[in-house]
């Protein structure tokens, strides 16, 4: 394995780790957004006198 191959492998590993981190952050953001939407919906039901589950 020559120097170029080692550098290429290292860059691939860094890219894979970065993509994983971005994916985790995106999933976390989506979960936070869904939770906020659920809370807003529950608050609206309470304001309108509906049943809050």
PDB file of N, CA and C in Angstrom:
ATOM      1  N   UNK A   1       0.857  -1.175   0.000  1.00  0.00           N
ATOM      2  CA  UNK A   1       0.000   0.000   0.000  1.00  0.00           C
ATOM      3  C   UNK A   1       0.904   1.239   0.000  1.00  0.00           C
ATOM      4  N   UNK A   2       0.741   2.059  -1.010  1.00  0.00           N
ATOM      5  CA  UNK A   2       1.604   3.236  -1.091  1.00  0.00           C
ATOM      6  C   UNK A   2       0.979   4.426  -0.351  1.00  0.00           C
ATOM      7  N   UNK A   3       1.719   5.520  -0.315  1.00  0.00           N
ATOM      8  CA  UNK A   3       1.292   6.701   0.435  1.00  0.00           C
ATOM      9  C   UNK A   3      -0.047   7.240  -0.069  1.00  0.00           C
ATOM     10  N   UNK A   4      -0.220   7.281  -1.388  1.00  0.00           N
ATOM     11  CA  UNK A   4      -1.474   7.786  -1.957  1.00  0.00           C
ATOM     12  C   UNK A   4      -2.663   6.957  -1.485  1.00  0.00           C
ATOM     13  N   UNK A   5      -2.508   5.634  -1.480  1.00  0.00           N
ATOM     14  CA  UNK A   5      -3.603   4.755  -1.051  1.00  0.00           C
ATOM     15  C   UNK A   5      -3.941   4.959   0.431  1.00  0.00           C
ATOM     16  N   UNK A   6      -2.904   5.175   1.234  1.00  0.00           N
ATOM     17  CA  UNK A   6      -3.125   5.413   2.665  1.00  0.00           C
ATOM     18  C   UNK A   6      -3.888   6.718   2.863  1.00  0.00           C
ATOM     19  N   UNK A   7      -3.478   7.760   2.146  1.00  0.00           N
ATOM     20  CA  UNK A   7      -4.168   9.051   2.239  1.00  0.00           C
ATOM     21  C   UNK A   7      -5.610   8.915   1.754  1.00  0.00           C
ATOM     22  N   UNK A   8      -5.814   8.209   0.660  1.00  0.00           N
ATOM     23  CA  UNK A   8      -7.161   8.014   0.120  1.00  0.00           C
ATOM     24  C   UNK A   8      -8.040   7.255   1.113  1.00  0.00           C
ATOM     25  N   UNK A   9      -7.492   6.236   1.740  1.00  0.00           N
ATOM     26  CA  UNK A   9      -8.239   5.470   2.735  1.00  0.00           C
ATOM     27  C   UNK A   9      -8.586   6.342   3.935  1.00  0.00           C
ATOM     28  N   UNK A  10      -7.656   7.151   4.386  1.00  0.00           N
ATOM     29  CA  UNK A  10      -7.909   8.046   5.514  1.00  0.00           C
ATOM     30  C   UNK A  10      -8.989   9.069   5.172  1.00  0.00           C
ATOM     31  N   UNK A  11      -8.940   9.616   3.968  1.00  0.00           N
ATOM     32  CA  UNK A  11      -9.952  10.589   3.551  1.00  0.00           C
ATOM     33  C   UNK A  11     -11.332   9.933   3.463  1.00  0.00           C
ATOM     34  N   UNK A  12     -11.381   8.704   3.000  1.00  0.00           N
ATOM     35  CA  UNK A  12     -12.646   7.972   2.928  1.00  0.00           C
ATOM     36  C   UNK A  12     -13.207   7.748   4.324  1.00  0.00           C
ATOM     37  N   UNK A  13     -12.344   7.409   5.265  1.00  0.00           N
ATOM     38  CA  UNK A  13     -12.779   7.190   6.649  1.00  0.00           C
ATOM     39  C   UNK A  13     -13.322   8.490   7.247  1.00  0.00           C
ATOM     40  N   UNK A  14     -12.635   9.597   7.007  1.00  0.00           N
ATOM     41  CA  UNK A  14     -13.095  10.892   7.520  1.00  0.00           C
ATOM     42  C   UNK A  14     -14.443  11.248   6.913  1.00  0.00           C
ATOM     43  N   UNK A  15     -14.601  11.012   5.621  1.00  0.00           N
ATOM     44  CA  UNK A  15     -15.882  11.292   4.967  1.00  0.00           C
ATOM     45  C   UNK A  15     -16.999  10.442   5.567  1.00  0.00           C
ATOM     46  N   UNK A  16     -16.732   9.159   5.786  1.00  0.00           N
ATOM     47  CA  UNK A  16     -17.746   8.260   6.345  1.00  0.00           C
ATOM     48  C   UNK A  16     -18.157   8.710   7.746  1.00  0.00           C
ATOM     49  N   UNK A  17     -17.201   9.096   8.557  1.00  0.00           N
ATOM     50  CA  UNK A  17     -17.507   9.571   9.913  1.00  0.00           C
ATOM     51  C   UNK A  17     -18.313  10.864   9.842  1.00  0.00           C
ATOM     52  N   UNK A  18     -17.930  11.770   8.960  1.00  0.00           N
ATOM     53  CA  UNK A  18     -18.650  13.036   8.812  1.00  0.00           C
ATOM     54  C   UNK A  18     -20.089  12.800   8.360  1.00  0.00           C
ATOM     55  N   UNK A  19     -20.278  11.924   7.406  1.00  0.00           N
ATOM     56  CA  UNK A  19     -21.622  11.626   6.911  1.00  0.00           C
ATOM     57  C   UNK A  19     -22.478  11.019   8.016  1.00  0.00           C
ATOM     58  N   UNK A  20     -21.889  10.187   8.843  1.00  0.00           N
ATOM     59  CA  UNK A  20     -22.619   9.584   9.960  1.00  0.00           C
ATOM     60  C   UNK A  20     -23.040  10.655  10.957  1.00  0.00           C
ATOM     61  N   UNK A  21     -22.126  11.561  11.278  1.00  0.00           N
ATOM     62  CA  UNK A  21     -22.443  12.647  12.222  1.00  0.00           C
ATOM     63  C   UNK A  21     -23.563  13.520  11.670  1.00  0.00           C
ATOM     64  N   UNK A  22     -23.492  13.858  10.396  1.00  0.00           N
ATOM     65  CA  UNK A  22     -24.538  14.679   9.774  1.00  0.00           C
ATOM     66  C   UNK A  22     -25.881  13.946   9.813  1.00  0.00           C
ATOM     67  N   UNK A  23     -25.873  12.666   9.536  1.00  0.00           N
ATOM     68  CA  UNK A  23     -27.106  11.886   9.575  1.00  0.00           C
ATOM     69  C   UNK A  23     -27.715  11.839  10.963  1.00  0.00           C
ATOM     70  N   UNK A  24     -26.877  11.661  11.975  1.00  0.00           N
ATOM     71  CA  UNK A  24     -27.368  11.638  13.356  1.00  0.00           C
ATOM     72  C   UNK A  24     -27.962  12.985  13.728  1.00  0.00           C
ATOM     73  N   UNK A  25     -27.283  14.069  13.350  1.00  0.00           N
ATOM     74  CA  UNK A  25     -27.788  15.410  13.662  1.00  0.00           C
ATOM     75  C   UNK A  25     -29.113  15.671  12.957  1.00  0.00           C
ATOM     76  N   UNK A  26     -29.239  15.239  11.711  1.00  0.00           N
ATOM     77  CA  UNK A  26     -30.482  15.438  10.962  1.00  0.00           C
ATOM     78  C   UNK A  26     -31.627  14.658  11.618  1.00  0.00           C
ATOM     79  N   UNK A  27     -31.336  13.436  12.045  1.00  0.00           N
ATOM     80  CA  UNK A  27     -32.366  12.621  12.698  1.00  0.00           C
ATOM     81  C   UNK A  27     -32.795  13.275  14.006  1.00  0.00           C
ATOM     82  N   UNK A  28     -31.838  13.785  14.761  1.00  0.00           N
ATOM     83  CA  UNK A  28     -32.142  14.452  16.024  1.00  0.00           C
ATOM     84  C   UNK A  28     -32.998  15.693  15.779  1.00  0.00           C
ATOM     85  N   UNK A  29     -32.643  16.452  14.745  1.00  0.00           N
ATOM     86  CA  UNK A  29     -33.413  17.656  14.412  1.00  0.00           C
ATOM     87  C   UNK A  29     -34.839  17.325  14.013  1.00  0.00           C
ATOM     88  N   UNK A  30     -35.017  16.255  13.253  1.00  0.00           N
ATOM     89  CA  UNK A  30     -36.354  15.838  12.839  1.00  0.00           C
ATOM     90  C   UNK A  30     -37.173  15.417  14.051  1.00  0.00           C
ATOM     91  N   UNK A  31     -36.544  14.703  14.973  1.00  0.00           N
ATOM     92  CA  UNK A  31     -37.250  14.265  16.181  1.00  0.00           C
ATOM     93  C   UNK A  31     -37.667  15.470  17.032  1.00  0.00           C
ATOM     94  N   UNK A  32     -36.795  16.459  17.152  1.00  0.00           N
ATOM     95  CA  UNK A  32     -37.123  17.671  17.907  1.00  0.00           C
ATOM     96  C   UNK A  32     -38.279  18.414  17.243  1.00  0.00           C
ATOM     97  N   UNK A  33     -38.250  18.487  15.915  1.00  0.00           N
ATOM     98  CA  UNK A  33     -39.323  19.175  15.186  1.00  0.00           C
ATOM     99  C   UNK A  33     -40.657  18.447  15.363  1.00  0.00           C
ATOM    100  N   UNK A  34     -40.638  17.120  15.314  1.00  0.00           N
ATOM    101  CA  UNK A  34     -41.867  16.347  15.507  1.00  0.00           C
ATOM    102  C   UNK A  34     -42.408  16.541  16.920  1.00  0.00           C
ATOM    103  N   UNK A  35     -41.521  16.563  17.897  1.00  0.00           N
ATOM    104  CA  UNK A  35     -41.936  16.765  19.283  1.00  0.00           C
ATOM    105  C   UNK A  35     -42.560  18.155  19.451  1.00  0.00           C
ATOM    106  N   UNK A  36     -41.942  19.160  18.852  1.00  0.00           N
ATOM    107  CA  UNK A  36     -42.470  20.525  18.940  1.00  0.00           C
ATOM    108  C   UNK A  36     -43.841  20.618  18.273  1.00  0.00           C
ATOM    109  N   UNK A  37     -44.002  19.953  17.139  1.00  0.00           N
ATOM    110  CA  UNK A  37     -45.291  19.963  16.442  1.00  0.00           C
ATOM    111  C   UNK A  37     -46.364  19.283  17.295  1.00  0.00           C
ATOM    112  N   UNK A  38     -46.007  18.195  17.942  1.00  0.00           N
ATOM    113  CA  UNK A  38     -46.946  17.500  18.816  1.00  0.00           C
ATOM    114  C   UNK A  38     -47.354  18.359  20.000  1.00  0.00           C
ATOM    115  N   UNK A  39     -46.389  19.067  20.570  1.00  0.00           N
ATOM    116  CA  UNK A  39     -46.697  19.949  21.699  1.00  0.00           C
ATOM    117  C   UNK A  39     -47.603  21.096  21.262  1.00  0.00           C
ATOM    118  N   UNK A  40     -47.327  21.651  20.090  1.00  0.00           N
ATOM    119  CA  UNK A  40     -48.152  22.743  19.581  1.00  0.00           C
ATOM    120  C   UNK A  40     -49.582  22.267  19.324  1.00  0.00           C
ATOM    121  N   UNK A  41     -49.696  21.070  18.788  1.00  0.00           N
ATOM    122  CA  UNK A  41     -51.029  20.509  18.515  1.00  0.00           C
ATOM    123  C   UNK A  41     -51.796  20.265  19.825  1.00  0.00           C
ATOM    124  N   UNK A  42     -51.103  19.740  20.831  1.00  0.00           N
ATOM    125  CA  UNK A  42     -51.742  19.499  22.124  1.00  0.00           C
ATOM    126  C   UNK A  42     -52.172  20.820  22.767  1.00  0.00           C
ATOM    127  N   UNK A  43     -51.327  21.836  22.665  1.00  0.00           N
ATOM    128  CA  UNK A  43     -51.667  23.148  23.226  1.00  0.00           C
ATOM    129  C   UNK A  43     -52.887  23.730  22.519  1.00  0.00           C
ATOM    130  N   UNK A  44     -52.933  23.562  21.217  1.00  0.00           N
ATOM    131  CA  UNK A  44     -54.085  24.078  20.465  1.00  0.00           C
ATOM    132  C   UNK A  44     -55.371  23.376  20.897  1.00  0.00           C
ATOM    133  N   UNK A  45     -55.293  22.062  21.104  1.00  0.00           N
ATOM    134  CA  UNK A  45     -56.478  21.320  21.552  1.00  0.00           C
ATOM    135  C   UNK A  45     -56.935  21.805  22.933  1.00  0.00           C
ATOM    136  N   UNK A  46     -55.968  22.073  23.818  1.00  0.00           N
ATOM    137  CA  UNK A  46     -56.322  22.570  25.152  1.00  0.00           C
ATOM    138  C   UNK A  46     -56.989  23.944  25.047  1.00  0.00           C
ATOM    139  N   UNK A  47     -56.423  24.799  24.183  1.00  0.00           N
ATOM    140  CA  UNK A  47     -56.981  26.152  24.024  1.00  0.00           C
ATOM    141  C   UNK A  47     -58.407  26.076  23.476  1.00  0.00           C
ATOM    142  N   UNK A  48     -58.636  25.169  22.537  1.00  0.00           N
ATOM    143  CA  UNK A  48     -59.957  25.046  21.924  1.00  0.00           C
ATOM    144  C   UNK A  48     -60.918  24.197  22.759  1.00  0.00           C
ATOM    145  N   UNK A  49     -60.446  23.682  23.890  1.00  0.00           N
ATOM    146  CA  UNK A  49     -61.315  22.909  24.771  1.00  0.00           C
ATOM    147  C   UNK A  49     -61.419  21.448  24.401  1.00  0.00           C
ATOM    148  N   UNK A  50     -60.517  20.944  23.560  1.00  0.00           N
ATOM    149  CA  UNK A  50     -60.556  19.532  23.164  1.00  0.00           C
ATOM    150  C   UNK A  50     -59.912  18.664  24.229  1.00  0.00           C
ATOM    151  N   UNK A  51     -59.905  17.391  23.964  1.00  0.00           N
ATOM    152  CA  UNK A  51     -59.295  16.435  24.887  1.00  0.00           C
ATOM    153  C   UNK A  51     -57.822  16.324  24.564  1.00  0.00           C
ATOM    154  N   UNK A  52     -56.987  16.469  25.567  1.00  0.00           N
ATOM    155  CA  UNK A  52     -55.534  16.342  25.385  1.00  0.00           C
ATOM    156  C   UNK A  52     -55.106  14.942  25.764  1.00  0.00           C
ATOM    157  N   UNK A  53     -54.467  14.226  24.805  1.00  0.00           N
ATOM    158  CA  UNK A  53     -54.027  12.881  25.128  1.00  0.00           C
ATOM    159  C   UNK A  53     -52.585  12.800  25.334  1.00  0.00           C
TER     160      UNK A  53
END
